[in-house]
Protein backbone atom coordinates (compact mmCIF):
# COMPACT_ATOMS: atom_id res chain seq x y z
CA MET A 1 84.73 95.36 90.72
CA ILE A 2 85.39 93.65 94.07
CA GLU A 3 85.79 89.87 94.10
CA VAL A 4 86.57 87.44 96.94
CA ARG A 5 87.84 84.05 95.90
CA ILE A 6 89.69 81.06 97.22
CA ALA A 7 93.35 81.06 96.25
CA ARG A 8 93.87 78.23 93.79
CA SER A 9 97.28 79.10 92.37
CA ASP A 10 100.69 79.96 93.79
CA ARG A 11 100.22 83.52 92.46
CA GLU A 12 96.92 83.95 94.33
CA ARG A 13 98.48 82.61 97.55
CA GLU A 14 101.37 85.04 97.09
CA ASP A 15 98.85 87.86 96.65
CA ALA A 16 97.26 86.87 99.97
CA TYR A 17 100.68 86.78 101.67
CA ASP A 18 101.53 90.21 100.22
CA VAL A 19 98.39 91.78 101.72
CA ARG A 20 99.07 90.07 105.05
CA LYS A 21 102.66 91.32 105.08
CA LYS A 22 101.52 94.91 104.43
CA VAL A 23 98.94 94.77 107.23
CA PHE A 24 100.51 92.59 109.91
CA VAL A 25 104.26 93.00 109.34
CA ASP A 26 104.64 96.53 107.93
CA GLU A 27 101.69 98.22 109.67
CA GLN A 28 101.41 96.30 112.96
CA GLY A 29 105.01 95.20 113.46
CA VAL A 30 104.41 91.44 113.64
CA PRO A 31 107.65 89.58 112.89
CA ILE A 32 107.54 87.87 109.49
CA SER A 33 108.59 84.62 111.21
CA LEU A 34 105.26 84.67 113.11
CA GLU A 35 103.10 85.94 110.27
CA ILE A 36 104.00 83.34 107.66
CA ASP A 37 103.78 80.01 109.46
CA GLU A 38 103.63 76.25 109.00
CA PHE A 39 99.82 76.34 108.65
CA ASP A 40 99.97 78.36 105.43
CA LYS A 41 100.78 75.18 103.49
CA THR A 42 97.52 73.44 104.44
CA ALA A 43 95.06 76.30 105.08
CA SER A 44 92.49 77.45 102.54
CA HIS A 45 93.39 81.03 101.62
CA PHE A 46 90.96 83.66 100.42
CA ILE A 47 91.91 86.82 98.61
CA VAL A 48 89.96 89.99 97.83
CA TYR A 49 90.69 91.66 94.53
CA GLU A 50 89.69 95.11 93.34
CA GLU A 51 90.02 94.60 89.61
CA LYS A 52 93.38 92.74 89.67
CA ARG A 53 94.80 94.42 92.78
CA PRO A 54 94.91 92.27 95.95
CA ILE A 55 93.36 94.30 98.80
CA GLY A 56 92.29 91.79 101.47
CA ALA A 57 92.92 88.26 102.67
CA GLY A 58 92.05 85.58 105.18
CA ARG A 59 92.52 81.88 105.75
CA ILE A 60 90.69 78.98 107.37
CA ARG A 61 91.94 75.58 108.41
CA GLU A 62 90.36 72.58 110.05
CA ILE A 63 91.80 72.11 113.54
CA GLY A 64 89.61 69.21 114.64
CA PRO A 65 86.56 67.26 113.51
CA GLY A 66 84.05 69.88 112.37
CA ILE A 67 86.04 72.81 113.77
CA GLY A 68 87.51 75.49 111.55
CA LYS A 69 89.90 78.20 112.65
CA VAL A 70 89.76 81.55 110.87
CA GLU A 71 93.03 83.44 110.82
CA ARG A 72 94.87 86.33 109.17
CA VAL A 73 91.76 88.28 108.15
CA CYS A 74 92.93 91.66 106.90
CA VAL A 75 92.19 94.54 104.55
CA LEU A 76 94.63 97.18 103.36
CA LYS A 77 94.46 100.25 105.59
CA GLU A 78 93.25 102.67 102.92
CA LEU A 79 90.27 100.42 102.11
CA ARG A 80 88.95 99.71 105.61
CA GLY A 81 85.40 100.73 106.44
CA LYS A 82 84.04 99.48 103.10
CA HIS A 83 82.69 96.18 104.51
CA LEU A 84 85.39 94.12 102.82
CA GLY A 85 85.97 92.25 106.09
CA ASN A 86 82.33 91.17 105.99
CA LEU A 87 82.84 89.84 102.46
CA ILE A 88 85.91 87.85 103.53
CA MET A 89 84.13 86.39 106.55
CA HIS A 90 81.09 85.47 104.45
CA GLU A 91 83.28 83.49 102.05
CA LEU A 92 85.23 81.84 104.89
CA GLU A 93 81.97 80.77 106.56
CA LYS A 94 80.54 79.54 103.25
CA HIS A 95 83.67 77.43 102.78
CA ALA A 96 83.39 76.09 106.35
CA LYS A 97 79.77 75.06 105.76
CA SER A 98 80.64 73.28 102.51
CA ALA A 99 83.40 71.41 104.38
CA ALA A 100 80.85 70.26 107.03
CA MET A 101 82.38 72.36 109.80
CA THR A 102 79.95 73.09 112.61
CA LYS A 103 82.01 75.58 114.60
CA ILE A 104 84.43 78.35 113.72
CA VAL A 105 86.94 79.63 116.22
CA LEU A 106 89.28 82.59 115.89
CA ASN A 107 91.62 84.81 117.89
CA ALA A 108 90.54 88.39 117.28
CA GLN A 109 92.69 91.38 117.94
CA SER A 110 90.86 93.02 120.84
CA TYR A 111 89.97 96.17 118.89
CA ALA A 112 88.22 93.95 116.30
CA VAL A 113 85.98 92.09 118.79
CA PRO A 114 82.93 94.30 117.96
CA PHE A 115 83.36 93.51 114.24
CA TYR A 116 83.19 89.77 114.93
CA GLU A 117 80.35 90.15 117.45
CA LYS A 118 78.24 91.78 114.72
CA LEU A 119 78.83 88.61 112.68
CA GLY A 120 77.55 86.39 115.51
CA TYR A 121 80.80 85.43 117.22
CA THR A 122 81.05 85.34 121.01
CA VAL A 123 84.08 85.95 123.20
CA THR A 124 85.33 82.77 124.91
CA SER A 125 88.50 83.95 126.68
CA PRO A 126 90.02 86.72 128.71
CA GLU A 127 92.38 89.00 126.84
CA PHE A 128 95.77 87.50 125.97
CA MET A 129 98.83 88.66 124.07
CA ASP A 130 99.84 87.21 120.70
CA ALA A 131 102.76 88.81 118.82
CA ASP A 132 102.59 91.61 121.44
CA ILE A 133 99.02 92.45 120.37
CA PRO A 134 96.00 91.99 122.71
CA HIS A 135 93.59 89.29 121.50
CA ARG A 136 90.41 87.50 122.59
CA ALA A 137 89.34 84.00 121.54
CA MET A 138 85.91 83.88 119.88
CA GLU A 139 83.67 81.24 118.34
CA LYS A 140 80.48 80.74 116.37
CA GLU A 141 78.34 77.68 115.78
CA ILE A 142 77.42 77.22 112.12
CA ILE A 143 75.01 74.98 110.30
CA PRO A 144 76.66 73.04 107.45
CA SER A 145 75.14 73.20 103.97
């Protein structure tokens, strides 16, 4: 059984960090000092479990009145292509709506731009480098619940 839920305990947050470390640090070579940052303390973290195994993660934080920023969306390599990213984004957007956010912004790795475009996000920047990885800024207007 696959379940996406907001991390409510230290253990669940650690599970999210573990998935992020496997994807961003081990697989993509992002320095741990960039991956785990000061925003982790205040962001809302989401974790995907398959049974009790953490397999995906993402976070959202409010960066201004009504504006949420989605970050650190990831799925373990061996489980990609199973629409788990869609599940994470659905829960992040649901959370944003319940928090009265009207816009979500994110910095997508350039290869992932088509994934976010299918979810209704539009590119708002030229390509830029972050942690030596090409990115594009994207955004989506949402209607709060």
